[in-house]
Amino acid sequence: MQLKDQKCACTTKQVKRLPQEGVDALLRNVQSWEVVGNHHLKKEYKFPDYMSGVQFVTQLAAIAEEQNHHPEIYLGWRRVTVEIYTHVVNGLTDNDFILAAKYDALNGDSSAL
């Protein structure tokens, strides 16, 4: 099953911090995401105007709420930056890559840097 079709685990008992090999393997399944400090995923999206970014943030928020996994989202002029990590382990888990894949599926990654 592809990452974008999976659901984020919702209990802390199901969530385990990924070892480096797990991070490396899952990173191959998402588009243009950067691992920062082996702690979080980061991606910046560009848009033709501010309101397009606002609309995108609304879509991101709806998915985050549905998955019960909430990233840091920064809205700026013609760009949106997303940082994802799992707070309870203070690092990366499967959930982070599932959420990243769902975000990639929103627009086919056409607006990413």
C-alpha atoms as a PDB file:
ATOM      1  CA  MET A   1       0.000   0.000   0.000  1.00  0.00           C
ATOM      2  CA  GLN A   2       1.354   3.430  -0.925  1.00  0.00           C
ATOM      3  CA  LEU A   3       2.117   5.922   1.860  1.00  0.00           C
ATOM      4  CA  LYS A   4      -0.564   8.355   0.673  1.00  0.00           C
ATOM      5  CA  ASP A   5      -3.196   5.622   1.130  1.00  0.00           C
ATOM      6  CA  GLN A   6      -2.219   4.800   4.714  1.00  0.00           C
ATOM      7  CA  LYS A   7      -3.624   6.364   7.872  1.00  0.00           C
ATOM      8  CA  CYS A   8      -1.518   7.914  10.605  1.00  0.00           C
ATOM      9  CA  ALA A   9      -1.356   5.844  13.800  1.00  0.00           C
ATOM     10  CA  CYS A  10      -3.337   7.657  16.433  1.00  0.00           C
ATOM     11  CA  THR A  11      -1.975   6.344  19.716  1.00  0.00           C
ATOM     12  CA  THR A  12       1.423   6.963  21.235  1.00  0.00           C
ATOM     13  CA  LYS A  13       1.856   3.212  21.821  1.00  0.00           C
ATOM     14  CA  GLN A  14       1.818   2.683  18.040  1.00  0.00           C
ATOM     15  CA  VAL A  15       4.364   5.419  17.320  1.00  0.00           C
ATOM     16  CA  LYS A  16       8.088   4.666  17.290  1.00  0.00           C
ATOM     17  CA  ARG A  17      10.928   6.972  16.273  1.00  0.00           C
ATOM     18  CA  LEU A  18      12.487   5.788  13.024  1.00  0.00           C
ATOM     19  CA  PRO A  19      16.126   4.738  12.861  1.00  0.00           C
ATOM     20  CA  GLN A  20      18.231   6.415  10.176  1.00  0.00           C
ATOM     21  CA  GLU A  21      17.745   3.474   7.791  1.00  0.00           C
ATOM     22  CA  GLY A  22      13.973   3.829   8.107  1.00  0.00           C
ATOM     23  CA  VAL A  23      14.136   7.559   7.432  1.00  0.00           C
ATOM     24  CA  ASP A  24      16.298   7.001   4.361  1.00  0.00           C
ATOM     25  CA  ALA A  25      13.974   4.304   3.004  1.00  0.00           C
ATOM     26  CA  LEU A  26      10.790   6.329   3.461  1.00  0.00           C
ATOM     27  CA  LEU A  27      12.345   9.528   2.119  1.00  0.00           C
ATOM     28  CA  ARG A  28      12.532   7.836  -1.293  1.00  0.00           C
ATOM     29  CA  ASN A  29       8.717   7.649  -1.284  1.00  0.00           C
ATOM     30  CA  VAL A  30       8.019  11.381  -0.941  1.00  0.00           C
ATOM     31  CA  GLN A  31       8.775  14.176  -3.380  1.00  0.00           C
ATOM     32  CA  SER A  32      11.269  16.967  -2.647  1.00  0.00           C
ATOM     33  CA  TRP A  33      11.064  16.746   1.148  1.00  0.00           C
ATOM     34  CA  GLU A  34      14.228  17.537   3.091  1.00  0.00           C
ATOM     35  CA  VAL A  35      15.205  15.865   6.365  1.00  0.00           C
ATOM     36  CA  VAL A  36      16.470  18.551   8.742  1.00  0.00           C
ATOM     37  CA  GLY A  37      18.752  17.496  11.580  1.00  0.00           C
ATOM     38  CA  ASN A  38      17.314  13.975  11.507  1.00  0.00           C
ATOM     39  CA  HIS A  39      14.433  15.622  13.373  1.00  0.00           C
ATOM     40  CA  HIS A  40      11.803  16.822  10.887  1.00  0.00           C
ATOM     41  CA  LEU A  41      10.714  16.923   7.278  1.00  0.00           C
ATOM     42  CA  LYS A  42      10.581  20.263   5.507  1.00  0.00           C
ATOM     43  CA  LYS A  43       9.218  21.393   2.171  1.00  0.00           C
ATOM     44  CA  GLU A  44       8.454  24.757   0.620  1.00  0.00           C
ATOM     45  CA  TYR A  45       5.732  25.239  -1.969  1.00  0.00           C
ATOM     46  CA  LYS A  46       5.525  28.252  -4.295  1.00  0.00           C
ATOM     47  CA  PHE A  47       2.322  29.853  -5.557  1.00  0.00           C
ATOM     48  CA  PRO A  48       1.448  32.541  -8.097  1.00  0.00           C
ATOM     49  CA  ASP A  49      -0.278  34.669  -5.454  1.00  0.00           C
ATOM     50  CA  TYR A  50      -1.051  34.901  -1.753  1.00  0.00           C
ATOM     51  CA  MET A  51      -4.608  33.562  -1.919  1.00  0.00           C
ATOM     52  CA  SER A  52      -3.475  30.382  -3.678  1.00  0.00           C
ATOM     53  CA  GLY A  53      -1.219  29.735  -0.693  1.00  0.00           C
ATOM     54  CA  VAL A  54      -4.082  30.401   1.713  1.00  0.00           C
ATOM     55  CA  GLN A  55      -6.274  27.886  -0.129  1.00  0.00           C
ATOM     56  CA  PHE A  56      -3.471  25.324  -0.027  1.00  0.00           C
ATOM     57  CA  VAL A  57      -3.034  25.828   3.731  1.00  0.00           C
ATOM     58  CA  THR A  58      -6.744  25.136   4.173  1.00  0.00           C
ATOM     59  CA  GLN A  59      -6.329  21.823   2.338  1.00  0.00           C
ATOM     60  CA  LEU A  60      -3.265  20.941   4.442  1.00  0.00           C
ATOM     61  CA  ALA A  61      -5.145  21.716   7.654  1.00  0.00           C
ATOM     62  CA  ALA A  62      -8.101  19.525   6.668  1.00  0.00           C
ATOM     63  CA  ILE A  63      -5.821  16.553   6.022  1.00  0.00           C
ATOM     64  CA  ALA A  64      -3.914  17.164   9.269  1.00  0.00           C
ATOM     65  CA  GLU A  65      -7.161  17.175  11.224  1.00  0.00           C
ATOM     66  CA  GLU A  66      -8.416  14.044   9.475  1.00  0.00           C
ATOM     67  CA  GLN A  67      -5.151  12.244  10.259  1.00  0.00           C
ATOM     68  CA  ASN A  68      -4.853  13.702  13.779  1.00  0.00           C
ATOM     69  CA  HIS A  69      -1.278  14.659  12.949  1.00  0.00           C
ATOM     70  CA  HIS A  70      -0.598  18.383  12.898  1.00  0.00           C
ATOM     71  CA  PRO A  71       2.468  19.917  11.211  1.00  0.00           C
ATOM     72  CA  GLU A  72       3.951  23.371  11.501  1.00  0.00           C
ATOM     73  CA  ILE A  73       2.635  25.407   8.554  1.00  0.00           C
ATOM     74  CA  TYR A  74       4.073  28.815   7.628  1.00  0.00           C
ATOM     75  CA  LEU A  75       2.245  31.029   5.172  1.00  0.00           C
ATOM     76  CA  GLY A  76       4.097  33.792   3.377  1.00  0.00           C
ATOM     77  CA  TRP A  77       3.719  35.814   0.227  1.00  0.00           C
ATOM     78  CA  ARG A  78       3.572  33.297  -2.648  1.00  0.00           C
ATOM     79  CA  ARG A  79       4.918  30.444  -0.513  1.00  0.00           C
ATOM     80  CA  VAL A  80       3.945  27.901   2.110  1.00  0.00           C
ATOM     81  CA  THR A  81       6.514  26.054   4.190  1.00  0.00           C
ATOM     82  CA  VAL A  82       5.595  22.826   5.961  1.00  0.00           C
ATOM     83  CA  GLU A  83       7.581  21.129   8.725  1.00  0.00           C
ATOM     84  CA  ILE A  84       6.477  17.722   9.955  1.00  0.00           C
ATOM     85  CA  TYR A  85       7.654  15.711  12.927  1.00  0.00           C
ATOM     86  CA  THR A  86       6.095  13.663  15.685  1.00  0.00           C
ATOM     87  CA  HIS A  87       6.060  15.600  18.935  1.00  0.00           C
ATOM     88  CA  VAL A  88       5.778  12.601  21.295  1.00  0.00           C
ATOM     89  CA  VAL A  89       9.077  11.141  20.044  1.00  0.00           C
ATOM     90  CA  ASN A  90      10.653  14.504  19.152  1.00  0.00           C
ATOM     91  CA  GLY A  91      11.632  13.148  15.760  1.00  0.00           C
ATOM     92  CA  LEU A  92      10.475  11.276  12.691  1.00  0.00           C
ATOM     93  CA  THR A  93       7.994   8.405  12.544  1.00  0.00           C
ATOM     94  CA  ASP A  94       6.020   6.655   9.829  1.00  0.00           C
ATOM     95  CA  ASN A  95       3.228   9.179  10.446  1.00  0.00           C
ATOM     96  CA  ASP A  96       5.384  12.030   9.182  1.00  0.00           C
ATOM     97  CA  PHE A  97       6.031  10.352   5.865  1.00  0.00           C
ATOM     98  CA  ILE A  98       2.382   9.345   5.499  1.00  0.00           C
ATOM     99  CA  LEU A  99       1.345  12.973   5.977  1.00  0.00           C
ATOM    100  CA  ALA A 100       4.043  14.197   3.553  1.00  0.00           C
ATOM    101  CA  ALA A 101       2.823  11.735   0.900  1.00  0.00           C
ATOM    102  CA  LYS A 102      -0.770  12.898   1.368  1.00  0.00           C
ATOM    103  CA  TYR A 103       0.375  16.506   0.914  1.00  0.00           C
ATOM    104  CA  ASP A 104       2.306  15.567  -2.226  1.00  0.00           C
ATOM    105  CA  ALA A 105      -0.850  14.001  -3.640  1.00  0.00           C
ATOM    106  CA  LEU A 106      -2.773  17.269  -3.334  1.00  0.00           C
ATOM    107  CA  ASN A 107      -1.251  18.899  -6.379  1.00  0.00           C
ATOM    108  CA  GLY A 108       1.078  16.353  -7.909  1.00  0.00           C
ATOM    109  CA  ASP A 109       3.978  18.323  -6.420  1.00  0.00           C
ATOM    110  CA  SER A 110       3.841  20.854  -9.268  1.00  0.00           C
ATOM    111  CA  SER A 111       4.351  23.855  -7.012  1.00  0.00           C
ATOM    112  CA  ALA A 112       7.264  22.595  -4.939  1.00  0.00           C
ATOM    113  CA  LEU A 113      10.643  24.265  -5.085  1.00  0.00           C
END
